[in-house]
PDB file of all heavy atoms in Angstrom:
ATOM      1  N   LEU A   1       0.846  -1.179   0.000  1.00  0.00           N
ATOM      2  CA  LEU A   1       0.000   0.000   0.000  1.00  0.00           C
ATOM      3  C   LEU A   1       0.883   1.231   0.000  1.00  0.00           C
ATOM      4  O   LEU A   1       1.786   1.361   0.809  1.00  0.00           O
ATOM      5  CB  LEU A   1      -0.903   0.013   1.240  1.00  0.00           C
ATOM      6  CG  LEU A   1      -1.794   1.224   1.417  1.00  0.00           C
ATOM      7  CD1 LEU A   1      -2.818   1.302   0.290  1.00  0.00           C
ATOM      8  CD2 LEU A   1      -2.491   1.175   2.762  1.00  0.00           C
ATOM      9  N   ILE A   2       0.636   2.121  -0.945  1.00  0.00           N
ATOM     10  CA  ILE A   2       1.362   3.388  -1.010  1.00  0.00           C
ATOM     11  C   ILE A   2       0.359   4.484  -0.709  1.00  0.00           C
ATOM     12  O   ILE A   2      -0.695   4.574  -1.334  1.00  0.00           O
ATOM     13  CB  ILE A   2       1.991   3.611  -2.398  1.00  0.00           C
ATOM     14  CG1 ILE A   2       3.024   2.534  -2.681  1.00  0.00           C
ATOM     15  CG2 ILE A   2       2.612   4.996  -2.476  1.00  0.00           C
ATOM     16  CD1 ILE A   2       3.560   2.567  -4.096  1.00  0.00           C
ATOM     17  N   SER A   3       0.672   5.316   0.256  1.00  0.00           N
ATOM     18  CA  SER A   3      -0.199   6.426   0.635  1.00  0.00           C
ATOM     19  C   SER A   3       0.537   7.725   0.343  1.00  0.00           C
ATOM     20  O   SER A   3       1.688   7.890   0.731  1.00  0.00           O
ATOM     21  CB  SER A   3      -0.534   6.333   2.131  1.00  0.00           C
ATOM     22  OG  SER A   3      -1.349   7.403   2.496  1.00  0.00           O
ATOM     23  N   THR A   4      -0.124   8.620  -0.382  1.00  0.00           N
ATOM     24  CA  THR A   4       0.501   9.887  -0.733  1.00  0.00           C
ATOM     25  C   THR A   4      -0.548  10.992  -0.757  1.00  0.00           C
ATOM     26  O   THR A   4      -1.742  10.720  -0.835  1.00  0.00           O
ATOM     27  CB  THR A   4       1.214   9.786  -2.101  1.00  0.00           C
ATOM     28  OG1 THR A   4       1.902  11.012  -2.355  1.00  0.00           O
ATOM     29  CG2 THR A   4       0.232   9.522  -3.218  1.00  0.00           C
ATOM     30  N   SER A   5      -0.111  12.210  -0.679  1.00  0.00           N
ATOM     31  CA  SER A   5      -1.008  13.356  -0.797  1.00  0.00           C
ATOM     32  C   SER A   5      -0.705  14.078  -2.092  1.00  0.00           C
ATOM     33  O   SER A   5       0.443  14.133  -2.528  1.00  0.00           O
ATOM     34  CB  SER A   5      -0.792  14.327   0.375  1.00  0.00           C
ATOM     35  OG  SER A   5      -1.113  13.698   1.578  1.00  0.00           O
ATOM     36  N   ASP A   6      -1.748  14.622  -2.713  1.00  0.00           N
ATOM     37  CA  ASP A   6      -1.564  15.318  -3.974  1.00  0.00           C
ATOM     38  C   ASP A   6      -2.665  16.363  -4.101  1.00  0.00           C
ATOM     39  O   ASP A   6      -3.806  16.116  -3.729  1.00  0.00           O
ATOM     40  CB  ASP A   6      -1.650  14.316  -5.132  1.00  0.00           C
ATOM     41  CG  ASP A   6      -0.963  14.804  -6.385  1.00  0.00           C
ATOM     42  OD1 ASP A   6      -0.501  15.959  -6.404  1.00  0.00           O
ATOM     43  OD2 ASP A   6      -0.893  14.019  -7.343  1.00  0.00           O
ATOM     44  N   ASN A   7      -2.324  17.515  -4.631  1.00  0.00           N
ATOM     45  CA  ASN A   7      -3.290  18.573  -4.854  1.00  0.00           C
ATOM     46  C   ASN A   7      -3.898  18.360  -6.239  1.00  0.00           C
ATOM     47  O   ASN A   7      -3.356  18.797  -7.240  1.00  0.00           O
ATOM     48  CB  ASN A   7      -2.596  19.935  -4.753  1.00  0.00           C
ATOM     49  CG  ASN A   7      -3.581  21.066  -4.709  1.00  0.00           C
ATOM     50  OD1 ASN A   7      -4.784  20.853  -4.628  1.00  0.00           O
ATOM     51  ND2 ASN A   7      -3.056  22.274  -4.781  1.00  0.00           N
ATOM     52  N   VAL A   8      -5.041  17.668  -6.311  1.00  0.00           N
ATOM     53  CA  VAL A   8      -5.561  17.204  -7.592  1.00  0.00           C
ATOM     54  C   VAL A   8      -6.818  17.914  -8.077  1.00  0.00           C
ATOM     55  O   VAL A   8      -7.192  17.762  -9.237  1.00  0.00           O
ATOM     56  CB  VAL A   8      -5.852  15.690  -7.541  1.00  0.00           C
ATOM     57  CG1 VAL A   8      -4.571  14.899  -7.366  1.00  0.00           C
ATOM     58  CG2 VAL A   8      -6.844  15.362  -6.451  1.00  0.00           C
ATOM     59  N   THR A   9      -7.494  18.677  -7.227  1.00  0.00           N
ATOM     60  CA  THR A   9      -8.745  19.280  -7.659  1.00  0.00           C
ATOM     61  C   THR A   9      -9.066  20.517  -6.821  1.00  0.00           C
ATOM     62  O   THR A   9      -8.289  20.917  -5.972  1.00  0.00           O
ATOM     63  CB  THR A   9      -9.916  18.271  -7.585  1.00  0.00           C
ATOM     64  OG1 THR A   9     -11.052  18.819  -8.240  1.00  0.00           O
ATOM     65  CG2 THR A   9     -10.257  17.900  -6.161  1.00  0.00           C
ATOM     66  N   ASN A  10     -10.218  21.088  -7.075  1.00  0.00           N
ATOM     67  CA  ASN A  10     -10.678  22.264  -6.335  1.00  0.00           C
ATOM     68  C   ASN A  10     -11.806  21.877  -5.389  1.00  0.00           C
ATOM     69  O   ASN A  10     -12.557  20.933  -5.656  1.00  0.00           O
ATOM     70  CB  ASN A  10     -11.193  23.339  -7.302  1.00  0.00           C
ATOM     71  CG  ASN A  10     -10.099  23.872  -8.191  1.00  0.00           C
ATOM     72  OD1 ASN A  10      -8.996  24.161  -7.722  1.00  0.00           O
ATOM     73  ND2 ASN A  10     -10.396  24.002  -9.472  1.00  0.00           N
ATOM     74  N   SER A  11     -11.932  22.648  -4.337  1.00  0.00           N
ATOM     75  CA  SER A  11     -13.031  22.413  -3.408  1.00  0.00           C
ATOM     76  C   SER A  11     -13.549  23.756  -2.893  1.00  0.00           C
ATOM     77  O   SER A  11     -12.860  24.768  -2.961  1.00  0.00           O
ATOM     78  CB  SER A  11     -12.575  21.541  -2.237  1.00  0.00           C
ATOM     79  OG  SER A  11     -11.594  22.214  -1.481  1.00  0.00           O
ATOM     80  N   VAL A  12     -14.774  23.720  -2.407  1.00  0.00           N
ATOM     81  CA  VAL A  12     -15.414  24.896  -1.829  1.00  0.00           C
ATOM     82  C   VAL A  12     -15.918  24.512  -0.455  1.00  0.00           C
ATOM     83  O   VAL A  12     -16.549  23.465  -0.290  1.00  0.00           O
ATOM     84  CB  VAL A  12     -16.609  25.362  -2.697  1.00  0.00           C
ATOM     85  CG1 VAL A  12     -17.359  26.493  -2.031  1.00  0.00           C
ATOM     86  CG2 VAL A  12     -16.139  25.756  -4.085  1.00  0.00           C
ATOM     87  N   ARG A  13     -15.607  25.349   0.526  1.00  0.00           N
ATOM     88  CA  ARG A  13     -16.094  25.131   1.890  1.00  0.00           C
ATOM     89  C   ARG A  13     -16.789  26.396   2.363  1.00  0.00           C
ATOM     90  O   ARG A  13     -16.309  27.494   2.119  1.00  0.00           O
ATOM     91  CB  ARG A  13     -14.937  24.847   2.846  1.00  0.00           C
ATOM     92  CG  ARG A  13     -14.203  23.580   2.580  1.00  0.00           C
ATOM     93  CD  ARG A  13     -12.990  23.478   3.494  1.00  0.00           C
ATOM     94  NE  ARG A  13     -12.157  22.366   3.119  1.00  0.00           N
ATOM     95  CZ  ARG A  13     -12.034  21.255   3.823  1.00  0.00           C
ATOM     96  NH1 ARG A  13     -12.676  21.137   4.956  1.00  0.00           N
ATOM     97  NH2 ARG A  13     -11.275  20.283   3.414  1.00  0.00           N
ATOM     98  N   SER A  14     -17.882  26.217   3.058  1.00  0.00           N
ATOM     99  CA  SER A  14     -18.545  27.347   3.683  1.00  0.00           C
ATOM    100  C   SER A  14     -19.239  26.852   4.939  1.00  0.00           C
ATOM    101  O   SER A  14     -19.560  25.671   5.064  1.00  0.00           O
ATOM    102  CB  SER A  14     -19.536  28.006   2.728  1.00  0.00           C
ATOM    103  OG  SER A  14     -20.525  27.086   2.342  1.00  0.00           O
ATOM    104  N   GLY A  15     -19.447  27.755   5.871  1.00  0.00           N
ATOM    105  CA  GLY A  15     -20.075  27.320   7.107  1.00  0.00           C
ATOM    106  C   GLY A  15     -20.479  28.475   7.978  1.00  0.00           C
ATOM    107  O   GLY A  15     -20.252  29.642   7.655  1.00  0.00           O
ATOM    108  N   ILE A  16     -21.068  28.113   9.097  1.00  0.00           N
ATOM    109  CA  ILE A  16     -21.517  29.099  10.061  1.00  0.00           C
ATOM    110  C   ILE A  16     -21.300  28.520  11.456  1.00  0.00           C
ATOM    111  O   ILE A  16     -21.428  27.315  11.667  1.00  0.00           O
ATOM    112  CB  ILE A  16     -23.004  29.466   9.833  1.00  0.00           C
ATOM    113  CG1 ILE A  16     -23.425  30.603  10.744  1.00  0.00           C
ATOM    114  CG2 ILE A  16     -23.891  28.269  10.031  1.00  0.00           C
ATOM    115  CD1 ILE A  16     -24.782  31.191  10.376  1.00  0.00           C
ATOM    116  N   GLU A  17     -20.933  29.397  12.380  1.00  0.00           N
ATOM    117  CA  GLU A  17     -20.767  28.994  13.771  1.00  0.00           C
ATOM    118  C   GLU A  17     -21.806  29.735  14.606  1.00  0.00           C
ATOM    119  O   GLU A  17     -21.923  30.952  14.525  1.00  0.00           O
ATOM    120  CB  GLU A  17     -19.361  29.331  14.261  1.00  0.00           C
ATOM    121  CG  GLU A  17     -19.134  28.955  15.709  1.00  0.00           C
ATOM    122  CD  GLU A  17     -17.721  29.239  16.166  1.00  0.00           C
ATOM    123  OE1 GLU A  17     -17.301  30.407  16.078  1.00  0.00           O
ATOM    124  OE2 GLU A  17     -17.069  28.287  16.612  1.00  0.00           O
ATOM    125  N   LEU A  18     -22.558  28.997  15.390  1.00  0.00           N
ATOM    126  CA  LEU A  18     -23.567  29.575  16.267  1.00  0.00           C
ATOM    127  C   LEU A  18     -23.117  29.378  17.708  1.00  0.00           C
ATOM    128  O   LEU A  18     -22.757  28.267  18.105  1.00  0.00           O
ATOM    129  CB  LEU A  18     -24.912  28.882  16.056  1.00  0.00           C
ATOM    130  CG  LEU A  18     -25.427  28.857  14.614  1.00  0.00           C
ATOM    131  CD1 LEU A  18     -26.646  27.944  14.499  1.00  0.00           C
ATOM    132  CD2 LEU A  18     -25.762  30.263  14.167  1.00  0.00           C
ATOM    133  N   VAL A  19     -23.110  30.464  18.473  1.00  0.00           N
ATOM    134  CA  VAL A  19     -22.665  30.404  19.868  1.00  0.00           C
ATOM    135  C   VAL A  19     -23.777  30.930  20.756  1.00  0.00           C
ATOM    136  O   VAL A  19     -24.324  32.007  20.509  1.00  0.00           O
ATOM    137  CB  VAL A  19     -21.379  31.241  20.081  1.00  0.00           C
ATOM    138  CG1 VAL A  19     -20.944  31.196  21.538  1.00  0.00           C
ATOM    139  CG2 VAL A  19     -20.267  30.771  19.167  1.00  0.00           C
ATOM    140  N   GLY A  20     -24.101  30.176  21.777  1.00  0.00           N
ATOM    141  CA  GLY A  20     -25.105  30.602  22.746  1.00  0.00           C
ATOM    142  C   GLY A  20     -24.520  30.586  24.142  1.00  0.00           C
ATOM    143  O   GLY A  20     -23.851  29.635  24.529  1.00  0.00           O
ATOM    144  N   LYS A  21     -24.732  31.670  24.885  1.00  0.00           N
ATOM    145  CA  LYS A  21     -24.291  31.746  26.279  1.00  0.00           C
ATOM    146  C   LYS A  21     -25.513  31.966  27.141  1.00  0.00           C
ATOM    147  O   LYS A  21     -26.298  32.867  26.878  1.00  0.00           O
ATOM    148  CB  LYS A  21     -23.286  32.882  26.473  1.00  0.00           C
ATOM    149  CG  LYS A  21     -21.941  32.608  25.820  1.00  0.00           C
ATOM    150  CD  LYS A  21     -20.915  33.671  26.131  1.00  0.00           C
ATOM    151  CE  LYS A  21     -20.459  33.680  27.530  1.00  0.00           C
ATOM    152  NZ  LYS A  21     -19.471  32.752  27.969  1.00  0.00           N
ATOM    153  N   ASN A  22     -25.650  31.140  28.163  1.00  0.00           N
ATOM    154  CA  ASN A  22     -26.795  31.240  29.060  1.00  0.00           C
ATOM    155  C   ASN A  22     -26.327  31.179  30.506  1.00  0.00           C
ATOM    156  O   ASN A  22     -25.481  30.370  30.847  1.00  0.00           O
ATOM    157  CB  ASN A  22     -27.781  30.090  28.819  1.00  0.00           C
ATOM    158  CG  ASN A  22     -28.254  30.048  27.405  1.00  0.00           C
ATOM    159  OD1 ASN A  22     -27.679  29.348  26.591  1.00  0.00           O
ATOM    160  ND2 ASN A  22     -29.281  30.803  27.092  1.00  0.00           N
ATOM    161  N   LYS A  23     -26.896  32.022  31.328  1.00  0.00           N
ATOM    162  CA  LYS A  23     -26.653  31.973  32.771  1.00  0.00           C
ATOM    163  C   LYS A  23     -27.940  31.475  33.407  1.00  0.00           C
ATOM    164  O   LYS A  23     -28.985  32.099  33.284  1.00  0.00           O
ATOM    165  CB  LYS A  23     -26.271  33.330  33.314  1.00  0.00           C
ATOM    166  CG  LYS A  23     -25.980  33.308  34.791  1.00  0.00           C
ATOM    167  CD  LYS A  23     -24.876  34.278  35.136  1.00  0.00           C
ATOM    168  CE  LYS A  23     -24.569  34.218  36.612  1.00  0.00           C
ATOM    169  NZ  LYS A  23     -23.469  33.383  36.935  1.00  0.00           N
ATOM    170  N   LEU A  24     -27.852  30.343  34.090  1.00  0.00           N
ATOM    171  CA  LEU A  24     -29.030  29.728  34.699  1.00  0.00           C
ATOM    172  C   LEU A  24     -28.828  29.566  36.198  1.00  0.00           C
ATOM    173  O   LEU A  24     -27.757  29.157  36.657  1.00  0.00           O
ATOM    174  CB  LEU A  24     -29.279  28.348  34.079  1.00  0.00           C
ATOM    175  CG  LEU A  24     -29.377  28.299  32.550  1.00  0.00           C
ATOM    176  CD1 LEU A  24     -29.374  26.871  32.071  1.00  0.00           C
ATOM    177  CD2 LEU A  24     -30.623  29.017  32.085  1.00  0.00           C
ATOM    178  N   PHE A  25     -29.827  29.889  36.973  1.00  0.00           N
ATOM    179  CA  PHE A  25     -29.854  29.643  38.415  1.00  0.00           C
ATOM    180  C   PHE A  25     -28.708  30.302  39.187  1.00  0.00           C
ATOM    181  O   PHE A  25     -28.316  29.821  40.232  1.00  0.00           O
ATOM    182  CB  PHE A  25     -29.840  28.141  38.726  1.00  0.00           C
ATOM    183  CG  PHE A  25     -30.827  27.356  37.925  1.00  0.00           C
ATOM    184  CD1 PHE A  25     -30.393  26.440  36.990  1.00  0.00           C
ATOM    185  CD2 PHE A  25     -32.197  27.536  38.101  1.00  0.00           C
ATOM    186  CE1 PHE A  25     -31.295  25.703  36.244  1.00  0.00           C
ATOM    187  CE2 PHE A  25     -33.100  26.804  37.360  1.00  0.00           C
ATOM    188  CZ  PHE A  25     -32.649  25.883  36.427  1.00  0.00           C
ATOM    189  N   LYS A  26     -28.112  31.368  38.727  1.00  0.00           N
ATOM    190  CA  LYS A  26     -27.023  32.103  39.369  1.00  0.00           C
ATOM    191  C   LYS A  26     -25.731  31.298  39.506  1.00  0.00           C
ATOM    192  O   LYS A  26     -24.679  31.856  39.731  1.00  0.00           O
ATOM    193  CB  LYS A  26     -27.420  32.616  40.759  1.00  0.00           C
ATOM    194  CG  LYS A  26     -28.474  33.676  40.751  1.00  0.00           C
ATOM    195  CD  LYS A  26     -28.697  34.185  42.156  1.00  0.00           C
ATOM    196  CE  LYS A  26     -29.800  35.216  42.190  1.00  0.00           C
ATOM    197  NZ  LYS A  26     -30.039  35.717  43.534  1.00  0.00           N
ATOM    198  N   ILE A  27     -25.774  29.987  39.400  1.00  0.00           N
ATOM    199  CA  ILE A  27     -24.560  29.188  39.606  1.00  0.00           C
ATOM    200  C   ILE A  27     -24.103  28.455  38.345  1.00  0.00           C
ATOM    201  O   ILE A  27     -23.034  27.874  38.330  1.00  0.00           O
ATOM    202  CB  ILE A  27     -24.750  28.144  40.731  1.00  0.00           C
ATOM    203  CG1 ILE A  27     -25.821  27.117  40.351  1.00  0.00           C
ATOM    204  CG2 ILE A  27     -25.044  28.810  42.048  1.00  0.00           C
ATOM    205  CD1 ILE A  27     -25.817  25.884  41.204  1.00  0.00           C
ATOM    206  N   LEU A  28     -24.903  28.491  37.286  1.00  0.00           N
ATOM    207  CA  LEU A  28     -24.597  27.702  36.092  1.00  0.00           C
ATOM    208  C   LEU A  28     -24.478  28.595  34.862  1.00  0.00           C
ATOM    209  O   LEU A  28     -25.405  29.328  34.521  1.00  0.00           O
ATOM    210  CB  LEU A  28     -25.709  26.664  35.860  1.00  0.00           C
ATOM    211  CG  LEU A  28     -25.608  25.800  34.612  1.00  0.00           C
ATOM    212  CD1 LEU A  28     -24.343  24.956  34.620  1.00  0.00           C
ATOM    213  CD2 LEU A  28     -26.836  24.909  34.486  1.00  0.00           C
ATOM    214  N   ASP A  29     -23.319  28.533  34.222  1.00  0.00           N
ATOM    215  CA  ASP A  29     -23.090  29.199  32.938  1.00  0.00           C
ATOM    216  C   ASP A  29     -22.941  28.124  31.871  1.00  0.00           C
ATOM    217  O   ASP A  29     -22.106  27.226  32.014  1.00  0.00           O
ATOM    218  CB  ASP A  29     -21.798  30.027  32.963  1.00  0.00           C
ATOM    219  CG  ASP A  29     -21.930  31.294  33.772  1.00  0.00           C
ATOM    220  OD1 ASP A  29     -23.017  31.877  33.778  1.00  0.00           O
ATOM    221  OD2 ASP A  29     -20.929  31.697  34.400  1.00  0.00           O
ATOM    222  N   LEU A  30     -23.711  28.228  30.804  1.00  0.00           N
ATOM    223  CA  LEU A  30     -23.612  27.294  29.684  1.00  0.00           C
ATOM    224  C   LEU A  30     -23.132  28.039  28.450  1.00  0.00           C
ATOM    225  O   LEU A  30     -23.651  29.107  28.124  1.00  0.00           O
ATOM    226  CB  LEU A  30     -24.962  26.665  29.355  1.00  0.00           C
ATOM    227  CG  LEU A  30     -25.530  25.662  30.332  1.00  0.00           C
ATOM    228  CD1 LEU A  30     -26.904  25.196  29.862  1.00  0.00           C
ATOM    229  CD2 LEU A  30     -24.603  24.475  30.492  1.00  0.00           C
ATOM    230  N   THR A  31     -22.164  27.484  27.770  1.00  0.00           N
ATOM    231  CA  THR A  31     -21.733  28.006  26.478  1.00  0.00           C
ATOM    232  C   THR A  31     -21.857  26.862  25.479  1.00  0.00           C
ATOM    233  O   THR A  31     -21.239  25.807  25.650  1.00  0.00           O
ATOM    234  CB  THR A  31     -20.271  28.501  26.522  1.00  0.00           C
ATOM    235  OG1 THR A  31     -20.159  29.499  27.538  1.00  0.00           O
ATOM    236  CG2 THR A  31     -19.865  29.087  25.177  1.00  0.00           C
ATOM    237  N   THR A  32     -22.670  27.061  24.469  1.00  0.00           N
ATOM    238  CA  THR A  32     -22.902  26.035  23.447  1.00  0.00           C
ATOM    239  C   THR A  32     -22.449  26.580  22.102  1.00  0.00           C
ATOM    240  O   THR A  32     -22.812  27.696  21.725  1.00  0.00           O
ATOM    241  CB  THR A  32     -24.396  25.665  23.382  1.00  0.00           C
ATOM    242  OG1 THR A  32     -24.837  25.297  24.684  1.00  0.00           O
ATOM    243  CG2 THR A  32     -24.634  24.529  22.408  1.00  0.00           C
ATOM    244  N   THR A  33     -21.666  25.792  21.395  1.00  0.00           N
ATOM    245  CA  THR A  33     -21.179  26.168  20.072  1.00  0.00           C
ATOM    246  C   THR A  33     -21.572  25.081  19.085  1.00  0.00           C
ATOM    247  O   THR A  33     -21.309  23.897  19.322  1.00  0.00           O
ATOM    248  CB  THR A  33     -19.644  26.315  20.077  1.00  0.00           C
ATOM    249  OG1 THR A  33     -19.272  27.239  21.085  1.00  0.00           O
ATOM    250  CG2 THR A  33     -19.137  26.804  18.741  1.00  0.00           C
ATOM    251  N   VAL A  34     -22.198  25.478  17.986  1.00  0.00           N
ATOM    252  CA  VAL A  34     -22.562  24.543  16.917  1.00  0.00           C
ATOM    253  C   VAL A  34     -21.968  25.074  15.620  1.00  0.00           C
ATOM    254  O   VAL A  34     -22.149  26.238  15.270  1.00  0.00           O
ATOM    255  CB  VAL A  34     -24.095  24.405  16.772  1.00  0.00           C
ATOM    256  CG1 VAL A  34     -24.448  23.490  15.604  1.00  0.00           C
ATOM    257  CG2 VAL A  34     -24.717  23.900  18.060  1.00  0.00           C
ATOM    258  N   ASN A  35     -21.209  24.233  14.930  1.00  0.00           N
ATOM    259  CA  ASN A  35     -20.628  24.569  13.632  1.00  0.00           C
ATOM    260  C   ASN A  35     -21.335  23.750  12.565  1.00  0.00           C
ATOM    261  O   ASN A  35     -21.418  22.525  12.665  1.00  0.00           O
ATOM    262  CB  ASN A  35     -19.131  24.242  13.602  1.00  0.00           C
ATOM    263  CG  ASN A  35     -18.342  25.141  14.506  1.00  0.00           C
ATOM    264  OD1 ASN A  35     -18.267  26.336  14.277  1.00  0.00           O
ATOM    265  ND2 ASN A  35     -17.769  24.577  15.551  1.00  0.00           N
ATOM    266  N   LEU A  36     -21.840  24.432  11.555  1.00  0.00           N
ATOM    267  CA  LEU A  36     -22.490  23.784  10.413  1.00  0.00           C
ATOM    268  C   LEU A  36     -21.671  24.144   9.188  1.00  0.00           C
ATOM    269  O   LEU A  36     -21.367  25.318   8.971  1.00  0.00           O
ATOM    270  CB  LEU A  36     -23.916  24.309  10.256  1.00  0.00           C
ATOM    271  CG  LEU A  36     -24.793  24.274  11.503  1.00  0.00           C
ATOM    272  CD1 LEU A  36     -26.039  25.116  11.290  1.00  0.00           C
ATOM    273  CD2 LEU A  36     -25.156  22.850  11.847  1.00  0.00           C
ATOM    274  N   TYR A  37     -21.296  23.148   8.394  1.00  0.00           N
ATOM    275  CA  TYR A  37     -20.509  23.481   7.226  1.00  0.00           C
ATOM    276  C   TYR A  37     -20.837  22.584   6.029  1.00  0.00           C
ATOM    277  O   TYR A  37     -21.253  21.442   6.171  1.00  0.00           O
ATOM    278  CB  TYR A  37     -19.011  23.489   7.509  1.00  0.00           C
ATOM    279  CG  TYR A  37     -18.515  22.403   8.428  1.00  0.00           C
ATOM    280  CD1 TYR A  37     -18.018  21.217   7.930  1.00  0.00           C
ATOM    281  CD2 TYR A  37     -18.531  22.588   9.801  1.00  0.00           C
ATOM    282  CE1 TYR A  37     -17.552  20.238   8.781  1.00  0.00           C
ATOM    283  CE2 TYR A  37     -18.070  21.613  10.653  1.00  0.00           C
ATOM    284  CZ  TYR A  37     -17.576  20.433  10.141  1.00  0.00           C
ATOM    285  OH  TYR A  37     -17.129  19.460  10.982  1.00  0.00           O
ATOM    286  N   TYR A  38     -20.655  23.188   4.876  1.00  0.00           N
ATOM    287  CA  TYR A  38     -20.907  22.559   3.583  1.00  0.00           C
ATOM    288  C   TYR A  38     -19.561  22.416   2.873  1.00  0.00           C
ATOM    289  O   TYR A  38     -18.719  23.309   2.936  1.00  0.00           O
ATOM    290  CB  TYR A  38     -21.842  23.456   2.767  1.00  0.00           C
ATOM    291  CG  TYR A  38     -21.936  23.106   1.307  1.00  0.00           C
ATOM    292  CD1 TYR A  38     -22.729  22.052   0.878  1.00  0.00           C
ATOM    293  CD2 TYR A  38     -21.229  23.838   0.355  1.00  0.00           C
ATOM    294  CE1 TYR A  38     -22.820  21.730  -0.470  1.00  0.00           C
ATOM    295  CE2 TYR A  38     -21.318  23.521  -0.980  1.00  0.00           C
ATOM    296  CZ  TYR A  38     -22.110  22.465  -1.396  1.00  0.00           C
ATOM    297  OH  TYR A  38     -22.189  22.152  -2.718  1.00  0.00           O
ATOM    298  N   TYR A  39     -19.376  21.287   2.217  1.00  0.00           N
ATOM    299  CA  TYR A  39     -18.109  21.013   1.538  1.00  0.00           C
ATOM    300  C   TYR A  39     -18.415  20.386   0.182  1.00  0.00           C
ATOM    301  O   TYR A  39     -19.164  19.418   0.091  1.00  0.00           O
ATOM    302  CB  TYR A  39     -17.263  20.077   2.393  1.00  0.00           C
ATOM    303  CG  TYR A  39     -15.945  19.687   1.805  1.00  0.00           C
ATOM    304  CD1 TYR A  39     -14.938  20.618   1.641  1.00  0.00           C
ATOM    305  CD2 TYR A  39     -15.705  18.376   1.413  1.00  0.00           C
ATOM    306  CE1 TYR A  39     -13.707  20.255   1.113  1.00  0.00           C
ATOM    307  CE2 TYR A  39     -14.485  18.007   0.888  1.00  0.00           C
ATOM    308  CZ  TYR A  39     -13.489  18.952   0.746  1.00  0.00           C
ATOM    309  OH  TYR A  39     -12.278  18.599   0.216  1.00  0.00           O
ATOM    310  N   LYS A  40     -17.840  20.967  -0.886  1.00  0.00           N
ATOM    311  CA  LYS A  40     -18.017  20.424  -2.232  1.00  0.00           C
ATOM    312  C   LYS A  40     -16.641  20.243  -2.853  1.00  0.00           C
ATOM    313  O   LYS A  40     -15.804  21.149  -2.836  1.00  0.00           O
ATOM    314  CB  LYS A  40     -18.832  21.377  -3.102  1.00  0.00           C
ATOM    315  CG  LYS A  40     -19.002  20.869  -4.518  1.00  0.00           C
ATOM    316  CD  LYS A  40     -19.751  21.854  -5.382  1.00  0.00           C
ATOM    317  CE  LYS A  40     -19.826  21.309  -6.794  1.00  0.00           C
ATOM    318  NZ  LYS A  40     -20.424  22.251  -7.716  1.00  0.00           N
ATOM    319  N   MET A  41     -16.409  19.039  -3.398  1.00  0.00           N
ATOM    320  CA  MET A  41     -15.139  18.755  -4.073  1.00  0.00           C
ATOM    321  C   MET A  41     -15.431  18.382  -5.519  1.00  0.00           C
ATOM    322  O   MET A  41     -16.297  17.543  -5.797  1.00  0.00           O
ATOM    323  CB  MET A  41     -14.393  17.606  -3.385  1.00  0.00           C
ATOM    324  CG  MET A  41     -13.025  17.345  -4.008  1.00  0.00           C
ATOM    325  SD  MET A  41     -12.144  15.945  -3.290  1.00  0.00           S
ATOM    326  CE  MET A  41     -11.896  16.499  -1.637  1.00  0.00           C
ATOM    327  N   ASP A  42     -14.709  19.025  -6.442  1.00  0.00           N
ATOM    328  CA  ASP A  42     -14.861  18.722  -7.860  1.00  0.00           C
ATOM    329  C   ASP A  42     -14.263  17.352  -8.178  1.00  0.00           C
ATOM    330  O   ASP A  42     -13.396  16.859  -7.474  1.00  0.00           O
ATOM    331  CB  ASP A  42     -14.154  19.786  -8.714  1.00  0.00           C
ATOM    332  CG  ASP A  42     -14.793  21.155  -8.570  1.00  0.00           C
ATOM    333  OD1 ASP A  42     -15.969  21.229  -8.167  1.00  0.00           O
ATOM    334  OD2 ASP A  42     -14.103  22.153  -8.851  1.00  0.00           O
ATOM    335  N   GLY A  43     -14.727  16.758  -9.277  1.00  0.00           N
ATOM    336  CA  GLY A  43     -14.197  15.478  -9.714  1.00  0.00           C
ATOM    337  C   GLY A  43     -12.790  15.611 -10.292  1.00  0.00           C
ATOM    338  O   GLY A  43     -12.349  16.697 -10.661  1.00  0.00           O
ATOM    339  N   PHE A  44     -12.086  14.488 -10.375  1.00  0.00           N
ATOM    340  CA  PHE A  44     -10.730  14.489 -10.924  1.00  0.00           C
ATOM    341  C   PHE A  44     -10.321  13.067 -11.289  1.00  0.00           C
ATOM    342  O   PHE A  44     -10.944  12.092 -10.886  1.00  0.00           O
ATOM    343  CB  PHE A  44      -9.726  15.070  -9.914  1.00  0.00           C
ATOM    344  CG  PHE A  44      -9.596  14.255  -8.656  1.00  0.00           C
ATOM    345  CD1 PHE A  44      -8.658  13.227  -8.559  1.00  0.00           C
ATOM    346  CD2 PHE A  44     -10.404  14.522  -7.557  1.00  0.00           C
ATOM    347  CE1 PHE A  44      -8.547  12.484  -7.402  1.00  0.00           C
ATOM    348  CE2 PHE A  44     -10.286  13.786  -6.395  1.00  0.00           C
ATOM    349  CZ  PHE A  44      -9.353  12.762  -6.315  1.00  0.00           C
ATOM    350  N   THR A  45      -9.272  12.978 -12.074  1.00  0.00           N
ATOM    351  CA  THR A  45      -8.617  11.707 -12.358  1.00  0.00           C
ATOM    352  C   THR A  45      -7.159  11.869 -11.966  1.00  0.00           C
ATOM    353  O   THR A  45      -6.493  12.821 -12.372  1.00  0.00           O
ATOM    354  CB  THR A  45      -8.723  11.338 -13.850  1.00  0.00           C
ATOM    355  OG1 THR A  45     -10.106  11.252 -14.195  1.00  0.00           O
ATOM    356  CG2 THR A  45      -8.041  10.016 -14.140  1.00  0.00           C
TER     357      THR A  45
END
């Protein structure tokens, strides 16, 4: 098995990060982060 890396095609990436901060009951801080992303890679030989 031969494993190699090669720059063979183009790709497009886009995404969004959503961050929520909540303080609950005076003693609890919650920080929630959600990342959503789209990835498209063109064909190649």
